[in-house]
Amino acid sequence: MDDDPQLLCTLVQQVLEGHTVDLAALQAAADALLTECHGGDEYLRAATRAMAGAAFALGAYGTDEALEDLRTAARGFTMILWLHQRHH
């Protein structure tokens, strides 16, 4: 992924800090990043898809489990992005 995922990174950081985030904005940022990027690191693409899915699930179900899934996806995205940036 060559595009700068700044908006998604900002929203992910807010999730990790325990702030309430706009789930539609989070899902849209992840979807936009996936749409704009062709090819690229499959692990980063998968982590981005996981963020979009977790945001959707939390919005749809609103359960504690869905919130924990979003936090897990955020941690995974952050780790994969760090590895991606380190190697590119």
C-alpha atoms as a PDB file:
ATOM      1  CA  MET A   1       0.000   0.000   0.000  1.00  0.00           C
ATOM      2  CA  ASP A   2       1.600   3.154  -1.140  1.00  0.00           C
ATOM      3  CA  ASP A   3      -1.104   5.552   0.012  1.00  0.00           C
ATOM      4  CA  ASP A   4      -0.756   7.363   3.322  1.00  0.00           C
ATOM      5  CA  PRO A   5      -3.274   5.818   5.705  1.00  0.00           C
ATOM      6  CA  GLN A   6      -3.209   8.877   7.982  1.00  0.00           C
ATOM      7  CA  LEU A   7      -6.962   9.164   8.614  1.00  0.00           C
ATOM      8  CA  LEU A   8      -7.262   5.471   9.372  1.00  0.00           C
ATOM      9  CA  CYS A   9      -4.185   5.635  11.631  1.00  0.00           C
ATOM     10  CA  THR A  10      -5.670   8.566  13.546  1.00  0.00           C
ATOM     11  CA  LEU A  11      -8.953   6.735  14.086  1.00  0.00           C
ATOM     12  CA  VAL A  12      -7.156   3.523  15.050  1.00  0.00           C
ATOM     13  CA  GLN A  13      -5.084   5.443  17.612  1.00  0.00           C
ATOM     14  CA  GLN A  14      -8.281   6.863  19.092  1.00  0.00           C
ATOM     15  CA  VAL A  15      -9.687   3.332  19.409  1.00  0.00           C
ATOM     16  CA  LEU A  16      -6.523   2.164  21.151  1.00  0.00           C
ATOM     17  CA  GLU A  17      -6.699   5.105  23.563  1.00  0.00           C
ATOM     18  CA  GLY A  18     -10.279   4.166  24.476  1.00  0.00           C
ATOM     19  CA  HIS A  19     -11.955   7.150  22.825  1.00  0.00           C
ATOM     20  CA  THR A  20     -15.315   6.926  21.133  1.00  0.00           C
ATOM     21  CA  VAL A  21     -14.865   7.082  17.370  1.00  0.00           C
ATOM     22  CA  ASP A  22     -17.217   7.576  14.466  1.00  0.00           C
ATOM     23  CA  LEU A  23     -17.583   3.977  13.299  1.00  0.00           C
ATOM     24  CA  ALA A  24     -18.862   5.032   9.886  1.00  0.00           C
ATOM     25  CA  ALA A  25     -15.772   7.213   9.423  1.00  0.00           C
ATOM     26  CA  LEU A  26     -13.515   4.360  10.538  1.00  0.00           C
ATOM     27  CA  GLN A  27     -15.146   1.931   8.136  1.00  0.00           C
ATOM     28  CA  ALA A  28     -15.090   4.497   5.315  1.00  0.00           C
ATOM     29  CA  ALA A  29     -11.389   5.259   5.897  1.00  0.00           C
ATOM     30  CA  ALA A  30     -10.523   1.557   5.776  1.00  0.00           C
ATOM     31  CA  ASP A  31     -12.684   0.998   2.696  1.00  0.00           C
ATOM     32  CA  ALA A  32     -11.197   4.045   0.956  1.00  0.00           C
ATOM     33  CA  LEU A  33      -7.664   2.876   1.652  1.00  0.00           C
ATOM     34  CA  LEU A  34      -8.458  -0.545   0.211  1.00  0.00           C
ATOM     35  CA  THR A  35     -10.130   1.002  -2.852  1.00  0.00           C
ATOM     36  CA  GLU A  36      -7.214   3.355  -3.557  1.00  0.00           C
ATOM     37  CA  CYS A  37      -4.540   0.711  -3.171  1.00  0.00           C
ATOM     38  CA  HIS A  38      -3.993  -1.955  -5.750  1.00  0.00           C
ATOM     39  CA  GLY A  39      -1.674  -4.816  -4.914  1.00  0.00           C
ATOM     40  CA  GLY A  40       0.666  -4.074  -2.088  1.00  0.00           C
ATOM     41  CA  ASP A  41       1.283  -5.885   1.144  1.00  0.00           C
ATOM     42  CA  GLU A  42      -1.369  -8.592   1.609  1.00  0.00           C
ATOM     43  CA  TYR A  43      -0.917  -8.576   5.389  1.00  0.00           C
ATOM     44  CA  LEU A  44      -1.604  -4.845   5.524  1.00  0.00           C
ATOM     45  CA  ARG A  45      -4.604  -5.254   3.237  1.00  0.00           C
ATOM     46  CA  ALA A  46      -5.947  -8.013   5.500  1.00  0.00           C
ATOM     47  CA  ALA A  47      -5.447  -5.875   8.614  1.00  0.00           C
ATOM     48  CA  THR A  48      -7.250  -2.995   6.899  1.00  0.00           C
ATOM     49  CA  ARG A  49     -10.138  -5.286   5.931  1.00  0.00           C
ATOM     50  CA  ALA A  50     -10.290  -6.497   9.538  1.00  0.00           C
ATOM     51  CA  MET A  51     -10.629  -2.898  10.754  1.00  0.00           C
ATOM     52  CA  ALA A  52     -13.498  -2.259   8.335  1.00  0.00           C
ATOM     53  CA  GLY A  53     -15.247  -5.466   9.363  1.00  0.00           C
ATOM     54  CA  ALA A  54     -14.809  -4.865  13.074  1.00  0.00           C
ATOM     55  CA  ALA A  55     -16.150  -1.315  12.760  1.00  0.00           C
ATOM     56  CA  PHE A  56     -19.169  -2.635  10.873  1.00  0.00           C
ATOM     57  CA  ALA A  57     -19.795  -5.363  13.463  1.00  0.00           C
ATOM     58  CA  LEU A  58     -19.580  -2.932  16.364  1.00  0.00           C
ATOM     59  CA  GLY A  59     -21.994  -0.571  14.639  1.00  0.00           C
ATOM     60  CA  ALA A  60     -24.392  -3.396  13.833  1.00  0.00           C
ATOM     61  CA  TYR A  61     -24.326  -5.266  17.137  1.00  0.00           C
ATOM     62  CA  GLY A  62     -22.903  -2.868  19.717  1.00  0.00           C
ATOM     63  CA  THR A  63     -21.791  -5.657  22.041  1.00  0.00           C
ATOM     64  CA  ASP A  64     -18.804  -5.726  24.375  1.00  0.00           C
ATOM     65  CA  GLU A  65     -17.419  -8.569  22.276  1.00  0.00           C
ATOM     66  CA  ALA A  66     -17.662  -6.451  19.121  1.00  0.00           C
ATOM     67  CA  LEU A  67     -15.846  -3.612  20.895  1.00  0.00           C
ATOM     68  CA  GLU A  68     -13.070  -5.993  21.949  1.00  0.00           C
ATOM     69  CA  ASP A  69     -12.871  -7.273  18.362  1.00  0.00           C
ATOM     70  CA  LEU A  70     -12.413  -3.683  17.173  1.00  0.00           C
ATOM     71  CA  ARG A  71      -9.630  -3.119  19.699  1.00  0.00           C
ATOM     72  CA  THR A  72      -7.958  -6.363  18.636  1.00  0.00           C
ATOM     73  CA  ALA A  73      -8.201  -5.350  14.975  1.00  0.00           C
ATOM     74  CA  ALA A  74      -6.736  -1.944  15.854  1.00  0.00           C
ATOM     75  CA  ARG A  75      -3.756  -3.533  17.608  1.00  0.00           C
ATOM     76  CA  GLY A  76      -3.204  -5.881  14.662  1.00  0.00           C
ATOM     77  CA  PHE A  77      -3.453  -3.063  12.132  1.00  0.00           C
ATOM     78  CA  THR A  78      -0.954  -0.973  14.090  1.00  0.00           C
ATOM     79  CA  MET A  79       1.541  -3.829  14.295  1.00  0.00           C
ATOM     80  CA  ILE A  80       1.221  -4.774  10.611  1.00  0.00           C
ATOM     81  CA  LEU A  81       1.490  -1.127   9.515  1.00  0.00           C
ATOM     82  CA  TRP A  82       4.644  -0.702  11.614  1.00  0.00           C
ATOM     83  CA  LEU A  83       6.191  -3.809  10.040  1.00  0.00           C
ATOM     84  CA  HIS A  84       5.157  -2.661   6.566  1.00  0.00           C
ATOM     85  CA  GLN A  85       6.705   0.791   7.032  1.00  0.00           C
ATOM     86  CA  ARG A  86       9.863  -0.718   8.465  1.00  0.00           C
ATOM     87  CA  HIS A  87      10.425  -2.871   5.392  1.00  0.00           C
ATOM     88  CA  HIS A  88       9.495  -0.305   2.721  1.00  0.00           C
END
